Amino acid sequence: MERTCGNGTLRRGDAGKKVTLIGWVARRRNLGSLVFVDLRDRSGICQVVFDENMTDAVKEVRSEYVLQVWGTVQERSSANPRIPTGEVEVHAEKVKIINSAMTPPITIADDTDTLEDTRLKYRYLDLRRPVLQKNMMLRHKICMITRNTLDSEGFVEIETPILARSTPEGARDYLVPSRIYNGRFWALPQSPQIFKQLLMISGMERYFQIARCFRDEDLRADRQPEFTQIDIEMSFVDENDVFSVVEKLMKEIFRGTVNYELEDHFVRIPWKQCMAEYGTDKPDLRFGNKICDLSDIFAGTEFAVFKNVLENGGIVDAVKFENAADRYSRKGLDKLQDFIKAGFKAKALAYLKMEKGVLTGSIAKPLSEKEKEAVISAMDMHDNDLVLVVADKASVARASLGALRVRLAHELDLIPHEPLYKFLWVTEFPMFEWSEDDQRWVAAHHPFTAPKEEDTDKLFTDPEHVSSRAYDLVLNGYELLSGSIRIHDQDLQEKVFEAIGLTMEEARQKFGFFLDAFKYGTPPHGGVGIGLERLTMVLADTDNIRDVVAFPTTNSSLDLMSESPNVVDQKQLEVLGIEISEKAKKN
């Protein structure tokens, strides 16, 4: 079809040009002798004017009709500064109604009050909203920059299988039954982990893939059951090599999408330090307010609450907020206490305020003068400062104050309004974590992650304190990627399996083909998996992952548009050798 330009591309310099536009009617205004139509396509909106000679041709036109318009660009008598084409309009000379449309069940505009479930049901209409189209284009641009950048660094894009063997370590797999081999199943990959390591054994040296991944786990605002990962693996590298490639990629992406120049080198913090200072392994560095350990100050305290916590192996942690004391009344502080009690099982929240040089607050009275002076010095307190204190076991105290740090940063408006992107490498994660369900140590990352060399002698004697060569990249409080240097030595791999309670017989049942490959000269290698949706989410300045996915599911894993998952007919089940239980039928 004839089309001279995108509707959103016309500017003042185009005045006098003959153009042909095609698009959807975003808005129609009938002023009697004149009809104004905002015509929308992917590039934007342009106002089209139909004079008294043309009004009959568009008298039936309504929202979302598809029109083709021939006309002349002219300057508007009253400009609209809210849209890029606001200085011009098209004077229509001919129009063709390509298709009609029913009244849409949702408001097709960036500013919409339509319920999200309704928008998801009519997602093909929701995707006409300019903000979502902009997000889809942003995602596309990230992918194109990724391909070009990694190609320039010598990486090869290789696809790996979607139907693979189930390796149940970590999140639950989505299973796919086999028609040919009834009773056997494939699994959709949680990541291409084993295949990308096999590609390193194959000698490809530098691989990447924009890969679809699947995890059957509980959902949240920044998670979907299927997601996309920029998957990267490299041979003959250590952590510094991996960090260098990823930092270059991030710099190119941010420069090419939002015209933002990132710092030369990203901050690096070991996991233990990160948890101690921020209470989380994905801290937002756009504001300060680090957690401070006051345990040494109260080592010999007579204050019964602190004394009891410290004697039982706990800690006393605190975080300061400047000029915030007058912002939180007793009622407001009680709400903060309820927040950490409910969410983190903290026993209590104490507080201190500096008012005209005097320390006041819920625990000021039982503290000695020496302890008060030490707290004021350690926290660098000044008038109107607020200090929140939690005395509990380390995990509870740190998690509670980490959450309060973020909550108060929003309430006190501590996060800069202008775009600010603060990256952080969190390194040296724990190798293992204790599983209450399995009553054993399990791999905190995955069982192919290499331990720190100096910790290998603790694999069996002290697994709790074994650090790994795993790392995350965090941006503004979001975990953008996770990765590690992998195990390349067969003997060490067997020891790690044993440390997590897998016999070699069990390991061979799950990973036999992978372990066989280790016998033929495995290179040192490592890599990352970058969450494409989360990266796009940050760049699009949204906190809802569904805003950057074309056809997302709800938080309960339902596709409201196609009404899936759904039942299948009995013949399909019989071919697969599957019978639905009575309990499942009732559910």
Protein backbone atom coordinates (compact mmCIF):
# COMPACT_ATOMS: atom_id res chain seq x y z
CA MET A 1 0.00 0.00 0.00
CA GLU A 2 1.21 3.48 -0.80
CA ARG A 3 2.67 5.22 2.27
CA THR A 4 5.11 8.11 2.20
CA CYS A 5 6.16 8.30 5.88
CA GLY A 6 5.37 7.35 9.45
CA ASN A 7 2.64 9.43 11.07
CA GLY A 8 4.88 10.46 13.95
CA THR A 9 7.79 11.59 11.75
CA LEU A 10 6.31 14.81 10.33
CA ARG A 11 7.80 18.09 11.50
CA ARG A 12 7.58 21.81 10.76
CA GLY A 13 10.09 21.50 7.93
CA ASP A 14 7.69 19.16 6.10
CA ALA A 15 5.07 21.90 5.60
CA GLY A 16 3.85 21.97 1.99
CA LYS A 17 4.67 18.31 1.29
CA LYS A 18 2.14 15.89 -0.20
CA VAL A 19 1.92 12.80 2.01
CA THR A 20 0.04 9.53 2.31
CA LEU A 21 -0.55 8.24 5.83
CA ILE A 22 -1.99 4.97 7.14
CA GLY A 23 -3.00 4.17 10.70
CA TRP A 24 -5.58 3.77 13.42
CA VAL A 25 -7.94 6.48 14.62
CA ALA A 26 -6.78 7.35 18.12
CA ARG A 27 -9.25 10.21 18.56
CA ARG A 28 -11.99 11.92 16.51
CA ARG A 29 -13.40 15.40 17.17
CA ASN A 30 -16.37 16.68 15.16
CA LEU A 31 -16.67 20.47 15.07
CA GLY A 32 -19.39 20.54 12.41
CA SER A 33 -17.63 22.02 9.37
CA LEU A 34 -14.33 20.46 10.45
CA VAL A 35 -13.46 16.98 11.69
CA PHE A 36 -10.12 16.38 13.43
CA VAL A 37 -8.68 12.87 13.56
CA ASP A 38 -5.55 11.84 15.45
CA LEU A 39 -4.10 9.12 13.24
CA ARG A 40 -1.75 6.71 15.03
CA ASP A 41 0.83 4.24 13.77
CA ARG A 42 3.94 2.78 15.41
CA SER A 43 5.93 5.97 14.85
CA GLY A 44 3.42 8.22 16.64
CA ILE A 45 0.36 10.41 16.08
CA CYS A 46 -0.42 13.10 13.53
CA GLN A 47 -3.52 15.31 13.45
CA VAL A 48 -5.50 15.10 10.20
CA VAL A 49 -8.02 17.82 9.31
CA PHE A 50 -11.09 17.03 7.19
CA ASP A 51 -12.81 20.20 5.92
CA GLU A 52 -16.47 20.57 4.94
CA ASN A 53 -15.77 18.92 1.56
CA MET A 54 -14.44 15.80 3.33
CA THR A 55 -16.56 15.47 6.47
CA ASP A 56 -19.13 13.16 4.87
CA ALA A 57 -16.35 10.71 3.99
CA VAL A 58 -15.49 10.25 7.67
CA LYS A 59 -18.88 10.72 9.33
CA GLU A 60 -19.01 7.00 10.31
CA VAL A 61 -15.39 6.82 11.43
CA ARG A 62 -14.84 5.92 15.07
CA SER A 63 -11.95 5.01 17.37
CA GLU A 64 -9.59 2.32 16.00
CA TYR A 65 -10.89 2.46 12.42
CA VAL A 66 -8.00 1.96 9.98
CA LEU A 67 -7.67 4.84 7.48
CA GLN A 68 -5.49 5.72 4.53
CA VAL A 69 -5.25 9.49 4.04
CA TRP A 70 -3.82 11.56 1.18
CA GLY A 71 -3.16 15.22 1.92
CA THR A 72 -0.80 18.17 2.41
CA VAL A 73 1.26 18.98 5.48
CA GLN A 74 0.59 22.43 6.92
CA GLU A 75 1.58 24.32 10.04
CA ARG A 76 -0.96 24.28 12.87
CA SER A 77 -2.46 27.57 13.96
CA SER A 78 -2.17 26.43 17.60
CA ALA A 79 0.71 24.03 18.27
CA ASN A 80 0.42 21.07 20.62
CA PRO A 81 3.73 20.80 22.55
CA ARG A 82 2.76 17.44 24.08
CA ILE A 83 3.45 15.48 20.88
CA PRO A 84 6.45 15.59 18.49
CA THR A 85 4.19 16.36 15.51
CA GLY A 86 2.41 19.13 17.41
CA GLU A 87 3.49 21.96 15.08
CA VAL A 88 1.93 20.42 11.96
CA GLU A 89 -1.21 18.75 10.70
CA VAL A 90 -2.27 17.10 7.45
CA HIS A 91 -5.06 18.72 5.41
CA ALA A 92 -6.92 15.69 4.00
CA GLU A 93 -7.72 15.62 0.28
CA LYS A 94 -8.69 11.97 -0.04
CA VAL A 95 -9.46 9.21 2.45
CA LYS A 96 -10.06 5.46 2.29
CA ILE A 97 -11.59 3.48 5.14
CA ILE A 98 -9.49 0.31 5.11
CA ASN A 99 -11.28 -1.34 8.01
CA SER A 100 -13.89 -0.58 10.65
CA ALA A 101 -13.63 -1.47 14.35
CA MET A 102 -15.92 -2.20 17.27
CA THR A 103 -15.66 0.03 20.31
CA PRO A 104 -12.51 -1.22 22.12
CA PRO A 105 -13.02 -2.78 25.58
CA ILE A 106 -9.93 -0.96 26.87
CA THR A 107 -8.62 2.60 26.73
CA ILE A 108 -5.87 2.65 24.12
CA ALA A 109 -3.70 5.42 25.54
CA ASP A 110 -0.63 5.69 27.74
CA ASP A 111 -2.76 7.16 30.52
CA THR A 112 -5.29 4.37 31.03
CA ASP A 113 -7.42 3.36 34.00
CA THR A 114 -8.36 -0.01 32.49
CA LEU A 115 -7.76 -2.91 34.89
CA GLU A 116 -4.61 -4.90 34.11
CA ASP A 117 -6.50 -8.21 33.80
CA THR A 118 -8.73 -6.63 31.13
CA ARG A 119 -5.69 -5.27 29.30
CA LEU A 120 -4.06 -8.72 29.40
CA LYS A 121 -7.22 -10.34 28.01
CA TYR A 122 -7.14 -7.92 25.07
CA ARG A 123 -3.35 -7.73 24.89
CA TYR A 124 -3.35 -7.24 21.10
CA LEU A 125 -5.20 -3.97 21.73
CA ASP A 126 -3.14 -3.08 24.78
CA LEU A 127 -0.01 -3.37 22.61
CA ARG A 128 -1.30 -0.50 20.47
CA ARG A 129 -0.62 1.85 23.39
CA PRO A 130 2.43 3.97 22.50
CA VAL A 131 4.19 3.27 25.81
CA LEU A 132 4.11 -0.49 25.24
CA GLN A 133 5.20 -0.16 21.62
CA LYS A 134 8.09 1.99 22.84
CA ASN A 135 9.03 -0.76 25.31
CA MET A 136 8.96 -3.42 22.58
CA MET A 137 11.22 -1.25 20.41
CA LEU A 138 13.55 -0.71 23.37
CA ARG A 139 13.79 -4.46 23.91
CA HIS A 140 14.54 -4.95 20.21
CA LYS A 141 17.28 -2.32 20.33
CA ILE A 142 18.91 -3.97 23.35
CA CYS A 143 19.02 -7.26 21.45
CA MET A 144 20.52 -5.67 18.34
CA ILE A 145 23.21 -3.85 20.34
CA THR A 146 23.97 -7.10 22.17
CA ARG A 147 24.45 -9.02 18.93
CA ASN A 148 26.65 -6.34 17.38
CA THR A 149 28.78 -5.84 20.49
CA LEU A 150 29.37 -9.52 21.19
CA ASP A 151 30.08 -10.19 17.52
CA SER A 152 32.80 -7.51 17.66
CA GLU A 153 34.28 -9.32 20.69
CA GLY A 154 34.55 -12.63 18.84
CA PHE A 155 31.44 -14.36 20.18
CA VAL A 156 29.42 -16.83 18.09
CA GLU A 157 25.62 -17.03 18.42
CA ILE A 158 24.53 -20.66 18.80
CA GLU A 159 21.08 -22.06 19.58
CA THR A 160 20.73 -24.85 22.14
CA PRO A 161 17.82 -27.31 22.54
CA ILE A 162 14.47 -26.35 24.04
CA LEU A 163 13.53 -29.99 24.62
CA ALA A 164 16.14 -31.36 27.00
CA ARG A 165 16.71 -33.76 29.87
CA SER A 166 15.28 -32.86 33.28
CA THR A 167 18.00 -32.01 35.81
CA PRO A 168 16.01 -31.30 38.99
CA GLU A 169 18.44 -29.12 40.94
CA GLY A 170 17.01 -25.71 41.79
CA ALA A 171 13.62 -24.51 40.50
CA ARG A 172 11.02 -26.95 39.22
CA ASP A 173 11.15 -27.95 35.56
CA TYR A 174 8.30 -27.67 33.08
CA LEU A 175 7.91 -31.22 31.77
CA VAL A 176 6.92 -32.26 28.23
CA PRO A 177 5.64 -35.84 27.77
CA SER A 178 6.92 -37.93 24.85
CA ARG A 179 4.43 -39.42 22.40
CA ILE A 180 6.94 -41.95 21.05
CA TYR A 181 8.29 -43.02 24.45
CA ASN A 182 5.25 -43.04 26.73
CA GLY A 183 6.21 -42.48 30.36
CA ARG A 184 9.31 -40.46 29.46
CA PHE A 185 9.62 -36.70 29.56
CA TRP A 186 11.65 -33.84 28.24
CA ALA A 187 12.09 -30.69 30.29
CA LEU A 188 12.03 -27.11 29.08
CA PRO A 189 15.41 -25.57 30.00
CA GLN A 190 15.70 -23.41 33.11
CA SER A 191 18.79 -22.06 31.34
CA PRO A 192 21.15 -23.41 28.66
CA GLN A 193 23.69 -24.10 31.45
CA ILE A 194 24.87 -27.61 30.54
CA PHE A 195 24.78 -26.98 26.80
CA LYS A 196 26.84 -23.81 26.97
CA GLN A 197 29.45 -25.58 29.07
CA LEU A 198 29.50 -28.38 26.51
CA LEU A 199 30.11 -25.75 23.83
CA MET A 200 33.20 -24.67 25.77
CA ILE A 201 34.37 -28.31 25.87
CA SER A 202 33.64 -28.36 22.12
CA GLY A 203 36.20 -25.61 21.60
CA MET A 204 33.83 -22.78 20.58
CA GLU A 205 35.58 -20.53 23.15
CA ARG A 206 33.10 -17.63 22.98
CA TYR A 207 29.36 -18.34 22.75
CA PHE A 208 26.21 -16.28 23.26
CA GLN A 209 22.51 -16.76 22.76
CA ILE A 210 19.37 -14.74 23.37
CA ALA A 211 17.72 -17.76 24.93
CA ARG A 212 14.21 -18.58 26.13
CA CYS A 213 14.21 -20.10 29.63
CA PHE A 214 11.47 -21.69 31.72
CA ARG A 215 11.03 -22.08 35.47
CA ASP A 216 7.98 -23.46 37.25
CA GLU A 217 8.19 -21.27 40.33
CA ASP A 218 6.12 -18.76 42.25
CA LEU A 219 5.79 -15.49 40.36
CA ARG A 220 6.25 -11.86 41.39
CA ALA A 221 6.33 -8.44 39.79
CA ASP A 222 9.73 -8.98 38.10
CA ARG A 223 9.33 -12.66 37.15
CA GLN A 224 7.49 -14.66 34.47
CA PRO A 225 7.30 -18.46 33.95
CA GLU A 226 9.12 -18.07 30.65
CA PHE A 227 11.72 -15.40 30.20
CA THR A 228 14.63 -14.40 27.99
CA GLN A 229 18.28 -14.51 28.95
CA ILE A 230 21.28 -13.02 27.19
CA ASP A 231 23.43 -16.09 27.73
CA ILE A 232 27.22 -15.76 27.51
CA GLU A 233 30.04 -18.28 28.07
CA MET A 234 33.80 -17.86 27.58
CA SER A 235 36.82 -20.18 27.75
CA PHE A 236 40.25 -19.48 29.25
CA VAL A 237 38.96 -16.69 31.50
CA ASP A 238 38.74 -15.61 35.12
CA GLU A 239 36.26 -13.24 36.78
CA ASN A 240 38.03 -10.11 35.52
CA ASP A 241 37.69 -11.21 31.89
CA VAL A 242 33.96 -11.88 32.31
CA PHE A 243 33.40 -8.56 34.08
CA SER A 244 35.25 -6.69 31.33
CA VAL A 245 33.05 -8.10 28.56
CA VAL A 246 29.81 -7.53 30.48
CA GLU A 247 30.75 -3.96 31.42
CA LYS A 248 31.54 -3.15 27.79
CA LEU A 249 28.18 -4.62 26.73
CA MET A 250 26.30 -2.61 29.36
CA LYS A 251 28.06 0.61 28.34
CA GLU A 252 27.07 0.05 24.69
CA ILE A 253 23.46 -0.77 25.63
CA PHE A 254 23.00 2.28 27.87
CA ARG A 255 24.74 4.58 25.40
CA GLY A 256 22.68 3.25 22.49
CA THR A 257 19.26 3.23 24.19
CA VAL A 258 19.08 6.08 26.73
CA ASN A 259 22.24 8.00 25.77
CA TYR A 260 23.72 7.48 29.25
CA GLU A 261 27.45 7.13 29.91
CA LEU A 262 28.24 4.57 32.60
CA GLU A 263 31.25 4.67 34.91
CA ASP A 264 34.50 3.12 33.61
CA HIS A 265 34.49 0.27 36.13
CA PHE A 266 31.61 -1.04 38.21
CA VAL A 267 31.87 -1.28 42.00
CA ARG A 268 32.69 -4.75 43.39
CA ILE A 269 31.70 -5.93 46.89
CA PRO A 270 32.07 -9.46 48.34
CA TRP A 271 28.76 -11.03 49.37
CA LYS A 272 29.53 -11.05 53.10
CA GLN A 273 30.31 -7.32 53.10
CA CYS A 274 27.25 -6.59 50.96
CA MET A 275 24.93 -8.39 53.38
CA ALA A 276 26.52 -6.67 56.37
CA GLU A 277 26.26 -3.17 54.88
CA TYR A 278 22.94 -3.37 53.00
CA GLY A 279 21.08 -6.42 54.37
CA THR A 280 20.52 -7.75 50.85
CA ASP A 281 22.57 -9.14 47.97
CA LYS A 282 20.90 -6.74 45.54
CA PRO A 283 21.25 -3.29 47.12
CA ASP A 284 20.24 -0.02 45.51
CA LEU A 285 23.35 2.20 45.54
CA ARG A 286 21.57 5.36 44.41
CA PHE A 287 21.41 6.37 48.07
CA GLY A 288 23.64 5.70 51.10
CA ASN A 289 22.33 4.80 54.57
CA LYS A 290 24.55 1.76 55.10
CA ILE A 291 23.88 -0.59 57.99
CA CYS A 292 26.31 -0.17 60.90
CA ASP A 293 27.20 -3.01 63.31
CA LEU A 294 27.08 -1.68 66.89
CA SER A 295 27.73 -5.05 68.56
CA ASP A 296 31.21 -4.10 69.81
CA ILE A 297 29.84 -0.97 71.49
CA PHE A 298 27.44 -3.11 73.52
CA ALA A 299 29.81 -6.02 74.18
CA GLY A 300 29.69 -5.38 77.95
CA THR A 301 26.30 -3.71 78.15
CA GLU A 302 23.95 -3.97 81.10
CA PHE A 303 20.94 -3.33 78.86
CA ALA A 304 19.20 -6.70 79.20
CA VAL A 305 17.73 -6.87 75.68
CA PHE A 306 21.05 -6.27 73.90
CA LYS A 307 22.97 -8.39 76.40
CA ASN A 308 20.69 -11.38 75.84
CA VAL A 309 20.89 -11.09 72.03
CA LEU A 310 24.68 -10.86 72.01
CA GLU A 311 25.13 -13.73 74.46
CA ASN A 312 23.07 -15.91 72.10
CA GLY A 313 25.22 -15.12 69.06
CA GLY A 314 23.12 -12.29 67.67
CA ILE A 315 24.12 -8.78 66.63
CA VAL A 316 23.03 -5.18 67.19
CA ASP A 317 22.67 -3.36 63.85
CA ALA A 318 21.57 0.18 63.07
CA VAL A 319 20.89 2.48 60.13
CA LYS A 320 20.75 6.29 60.17
CA PHE A 321 18.49 8.66 58.27
CA GLU A 322 19.52 12.31 58.30
CA ASN A 323 16.94 15.01 59.07
CA ALA A 324 14.23 12.39 59.52
CA ALA A 325 13.50 12.41 63.26
CA ASP A 326 10.66 14.89 62.93
CA ARG A 327 9.15 12.90 60.06
CA TYR A 328 8.35 9.85 62.20
CA SER A 329 6.02 10.08 65.17
CA ARG A 330 5.57 7.21 67.62
CA LYS A 331 2.67 5.97 65.50
CA GLY A 332 4.81 6.03 62.34
CA LEU A 333 7.63 4.16 64.09
CA ASP A 334 5.13 1.56 65.33
CA LYS A 335 4.15 0.95 61.70
CA LEU A 336 7.80 0.34 60.82
CA GLN A 337 8.04 -2.10 63.72
CA ASP A 338 4.94 -3.98 62.53
CA PHE A 339 6.49 -4.09 59.05
CA ILE A 340 9.66 -5.92 60.14
CA LYS A 341 7.85 -8.13 62.63
CA ALA A 342 5.43 -9.39 59.98
CA GLY A 343 7.86 -9.59 57.08
CA PHE A 344 11.11 -10.67 58.74
CA LYS A 345 10.07 -12.09 62.13
CA ALA A 346 12.10 -9.47 63.96
CA LYS A 347 11.45 -9.26 67.70
CA ALA A 348 11.38 -5.47 67.90
CA LEU A 349 12.50 -2.19 66.35
CA ALA A 350 14.26 0.33 68.59
CA TYR A 351 14.98 3.91 67.65
CA LEU A 352 17.11 6.86 68.70
CA LYS A 353 16.70 10.54 67.82
CA MET A 354 19.05 13.47 68.24
CA GLU A 355 17.07 16.49 69.48
CA LYS A 356 18.96 19.70 70.37
CA GLY A 357 22.12 17.75 71.11
CA VAL A 358 20.34 15.23 73.36
CA LEU A 359 19.87 11.56 72.49
CA THR A 360 16.24 10.48 72.95
CA GLY A 361 14.21 7.50 71.84
CA SER A 362 12.86 4.12 72.88
CA ILE A 363 16.21 2.81 74.22
CA ALA A 364 17.90 6.06 75.27
CA LYS A 365 17.08 5.66 78.98
CA PRO A 366 18.68 2.22 79.66
CA LEU A 367 21.91 3.04 77.81
CA SER A 368 24.93 4.27 79.74
CA GLU A 369 26.43 7.68 78.94
CA LYS A 370 29.49 5.95 77.51
CA GLU A 371 27.30 3.82 75.20
CA LYS A 372 25.33 6.88 74.09
CA GLU A 373 28.50 8.76 73.22
CA ALA A 374 29.84 5.74 71.33
CA VAL A 375 26.61 5.41 69.32
CA ILE A 376 26.58 9.13 68.47
CA SER A 377 30.19 8.87 67.28
CA ALA A 378 29.75 5.60 65.34
CA MET A 379 26.58 6.81 63.61
CA ASP A 380 27.83 10.40 63.19
CA MET A 381 24.54 11.69 64.59
CA HIS A 382 23.44 15.33 64.39
CA ASP A 383 20.26 17.18 65.29
CA ASN A 384 17.08 15.71 63.79
CA ASP A 385 18.81 12.46 62.76
CA LEU A 386 16.88 9.20 63.20
CA VAL A 387 18.63 5.89 63.94
CA LEU A 388 16.72 2.60 63.68
CA VAL A 389 18.13 -0.34 65.65
CA VAL A 390 17.44 -4.08 65.45
CA ALA A 391 19.01 -6.56 67.87
CA ASP A 392 18.48 -10.13 66.68
CA LYS A 393 20.25 -12.96 64.93
CA ALA A 394 22.34 -11.62 62.05
CA SER A 395 20.08 -12.77 59.20
CA VAL A 396 16.97 -11.18 60.77
CA ALA A 397 18.64 -7.92 61.84
CA ARG A 398 20.27 -7.33 58.46
CA ALA A 399 17.23 -8.29 56.36
CA SER A 400 14.97 -6.08 58.51
CA LEU A 401 17.19 -3.01 58.28
CA GLY A 402 17.85 -3.65 54.58
CA ALA A 403 14.11 -3.53 53.94
CA LEU A 404 13.67 -0.43 56.12
CA ARG A 405 16.54 1.23 54.26
CA VAL A 406 14.61 0.87 50.99
CA ARG A 407 11.22 1.76 52.48
CA LEU A 408 12.46 4.97 54.10
CA ALA A 409 14.41 5.92 50.98
CA HIS A 410 11.07 6.07 49.15
CA GLU A 411 9.20 7.74 52.02
CA LEU A 412 11.93 10.36 52.53
CA ASP A 413 12.47 10.88 48.80
CA LEU A 414 16.15 9.89 48.96
CA ILE A 415 16.23 8.34 45.48
CA PRO A 416 17.23 10.85 42.76
CA HIS A 417 14.46 11.70 40.30
CA GLU A 418 16.81 12.16 37.35
CA PRO A 419 18.06 8.97 35.66
CA LEU A 420 20.90 7.45 37.69
CA TYR A 421 22.24 3.95 37.08
CA LYS A 422 24.46 2.48 39.80
CA PHE A 423 25.94 -0.92 38.97
CA LEU A 424 27.43 -3.31 41.50
CA TRP A 425 29.22 -6.64 41.16
CA VAL A 426 28.44 -8.84 44.17
CA THR A 427 31.14 -11.52 44.35
CA GLU A 428 32.14 -14.58 46.38
CA PHE A 429 28.65 -15.89 47.10
CA PRO A 430 28.26 -18.85 49.48
CA MET A 431 28.86 -22.15 47.71
CA PHE A 432 26.07 -23.97 49.58
CA GLU A 433 22.82 -23.24 51.41
CA TRP A 434 20.90 -25.46 53.83
CA SER A 435 17.64 -26.96 52.54
CA GLU A 436 15.09 -27.53 55.30
CA ASP A 437 12.99 -29.64 52.93
CA ASP A 438 15.85 -31.99 51.97
CA GLN A 439 17.76 -31.65 55.24
CA ARG A 440 21.05 -31.29 53.38
CA TRP A 441 23.36 -28.72 51.87
CA VAL A 442 22.43 -27.83 48.30
CA ALA A 443 24.18 -25.75 45.64
CA ALA A 444 23.39 -22.07 46.22
CA HIS A 445 24.04 -21.24 42.54
CA HIS A 446 24.22 -24.53 40.63
CA PRO A 447 26.42 -27.61 41.16
CA PHE A 448 28.84 -26.64 38.37
CA THR A 449 29.97 -23.44 40.10
CA ALA A 450 33.63 -23.49 41.16
CA PRO A 451 34.50 -22.93 44.83
CA LYS A 452 37.23 -20.49 45.75
CA GLU A 453 40.49 -22.41 45.56
CA GLU A 454 41.43 -21.66 49.17
CA ASP A 455 38.07 -23.08 50.39
CA THR A 456 38.15 -26.47 48.65
CA ASP A 457 39.48 -28.18 51.78
CA LYS A 458 36.27 -27.14 53.62
CA LEU A 459 33.82 -28.82 51.21
CA PHE A 460 33.08 -31.62 53.69
CA THR A 461 34.31 -30.20 57.00
CA ASP A 462 32.76 -26.71 56.90
CA PRO A 463 30.39 -26.35 53.91
CA GLU A 464 28.64 -23.33 55.48
CA HIS A 465 31.76 -21.22 55.07
CA VAL A 466 32.81 -22.26 51.57
CA SER A 467 32.79 -19.26 49.20
CA SER A 468 32.21 -19.74 45.49
CA ARG A 469 33.39 -18.00 42.35
CA ALA A 470 29.80 -16.94 41.66
CA TYR A 471 28.82 -13.33 41.05
CA ASP A 472 25.75 -11.19 40.38
CA LEU A 473 25.45 -7.84 38.64
CA VAL A 474 23.00 -5.55 40.45
CA LEU A 475 21.48 -2.36 39.09
CA ASN A 476 19.36 0.01 41.22
CA GLY A 477 18.18 -2.83 43.45
CA TYR A 478 17.53 -5.36 40.66
CA GLU A 479 19.60 -8.49 40.05
CA LEU A 480 20.41 -8.15 36.34
CA LEU A 481 22.55 -11.21 35.88
CA SER A 482 23.96 -14.19 37.66
CA GLY A 483 27.06 -16.11 36.68
CA SER A 484 30.15 -17.92 37.82
CA ILE A 485 33.47 -19.43 36.93
CA ARG A 486 32.68 -23.11 36.34
CA ILE A 487 34.34 -26.26 37.58
CA HIS A 488 36.55 -27.71 34.84
CA ASP A 489 38.28 -30.45 36.86
CA GLN A 490 36.46 -33.80 36.99
CA ASP A 491 37.75 -34.73 40.45
CA LEU A 492 36.57 -31.42 41.92
CA GLN A 493 33.18 -31.81 40.23
CA GLU A 494 32.76 -35.22 41.85
CA LYS A 495 33.65 -33.76 45.27
CA VAL A 496 31.04 -31.00 44.88
CA PHE A 497 28.38 -33.57 43.97
CA GLU A 498 29.33 -35.56 47.07
CA ALA A 499 29.19 -32.43 49.23
CA ILE A 500 25.54 -31.84 48.25
CA GLY A 501 24.62 -35.45 48.95
CA LEU A 502 24.74 -36.84 45.42
CA THR A 503 26.45 -40.17 44.98
CA MET A 504 28.35 -40.62 41.74
CA GLU A 505 25.68 -43.11 40.69
CA GLU A 506 22.97 -40.47 41.22
CA ALA A 507 25.09 -37.81 39.55
CA ARG A 508 25.61 -40.04 36.53
CA GLN A 509 21.86 -40.65 36.30
CA LYS A 510 21.28 -36.88 36.13
CA PHE A 511 24.41 -35.61 34.38
CA GLY A 512 26.11 -38.70 32.94
CA PHE A 513 26.67 -37.34 29.42
CA PHE A 514 28.00 -34.11 30.89
CA LEU A 515 30.44 -35.87 33.21
CA ASP A 516 31.67 -38.02 30.32
CA ALA A 517 32.57 -34.85 28.42
CA PHE A 518 34.85 -33.77 31.28
CA LYS A 519 37.19 -36.65 30.43
CA TYR A 520 38.27 -35.10 27.14
CA GLY A 521 40.08 -31.92 28.14
CA THR A 522 37.78 -29.29 29.61
CA PRO A 523 39.04 -25.70 29.40
CA PRO A 524 38.69 -23.24 32.30
CA HIS A 525 35.49 -21.32 31.54
CA GLY A 526 32.82 -19.05 32.97
CA GLY A 527 29.90 -16.92 31.97
CA VAL A 528 26.69 -15.13 32.82
CA GLY A 529 22.98 -15.09 32.10
CA ILE A 530 21.59 -11.56 31.79
CA GLY A 531 17.84 -11.13 32.39
CA LEU A 532 16.62 -9.31 29.29
CA GLU A 533 13.24 -8.42 30.79
CA ARG A 534 14.71 -6.95 33.96
CA LEU A 535 17.26 -4.94 32.00
CA THR A 536 14.53 -3.61 29.71
CA MET A 537 12.35 -2.90 32.74
CA VAL A 538 14.99 -0.64 34.31
CA LEU A 539 15.67 1.18 31.04
CA ALA A 540 11.93 1.62 30.43
CA ASP A 541 11.53 3.01 33.97
CA THR A 542 8.78 0.58 35.00
CA ASP A 543 8.55 -1.82 37.93
CA ASN A 544 6.17 -4.22 36.17
CA ILE A 545 7.82 -6.92 34.05
CA ARG A 546 4.59 -7.37 32.06
CA ASP A 547 5.19 -3.92 30.57
CA VAL A 548 8.20 -5.25 28.62
CA VAL A 549 6.82 -8.66 27.56
CA ALA A 550 4.63 -8.83 24.47
CA PHE A 551 2.29 -11.56 25.71
CA PRO A 552 2.77 -12.00 29.48
CA THR A 553 0.93 -14.08 32.05
CA THR A 554 -0.68 -12.98 35.30
CA ASN A 555 0.93 -13.44 38.73
CA SER A 556 -0.90 -16.77 38.89
CA SER A 557 0.65 -17.97 35.60
CA LEU A 558 -2.49 -17.57 33.48
CA ASP A 559 -2.61 -16.25 29.92
CA LEU A 560 -5.96 -14.46 30.00
CA MET A 561 -5.90 -13.74 26.27
CA SER A 562 -5.57 -17.31 25.00
CA GLU A 563 -7.07 -18.82 28.18
CA SER A 564 -4.12 -21.08 28.83
CA PRO A 565 -3.15 -23.41 30.36
CA ASN A 566 -6.29 -25.31 29.38
CA VAL A 567 -7.59 -28.85 29.16
CA VAL A 568 -6.82 -31.12 26.18
CA ASP A 569 -9.04 -33.83 24.75
CA GLN A 570 -8.86 -37.44 25.88
CA LYS A 571 -7.35 -38.69 22.61
CA GLN A 572 -4.31 -36.47 23.05
CA LEU A 573 -3.80 -37.82 26.56
CA GLU A 574 -4.15 -41.43 25.39
CA VAL A 575 -1.49 -40.94 22.72
CA LEU A 576 0.86 -39.65 25.42
CA GLY A 577 0.00 -42.44 27.84
CA ILE A 578 -1.31 -39.95 30.44
CA GLU A 579 -4.33 -40.32 32.69
CA ILE A 580 -5.67 -37.40 34.74
CA SER A 581 -6.32 -38.31 38.38
CA GLU A 582 -9.72 -37.70 39.95
CA LYS A 583 -8.16 -35.19 42.33
CA ALA A 584 -6.69 -33.20 39.43
CA LYS A 585 -10.04 -33.28 37.60
CA LYS A 586 -11.76 -31.77 40.66
CA ASN A 587 -9.12 -29.05 40.93
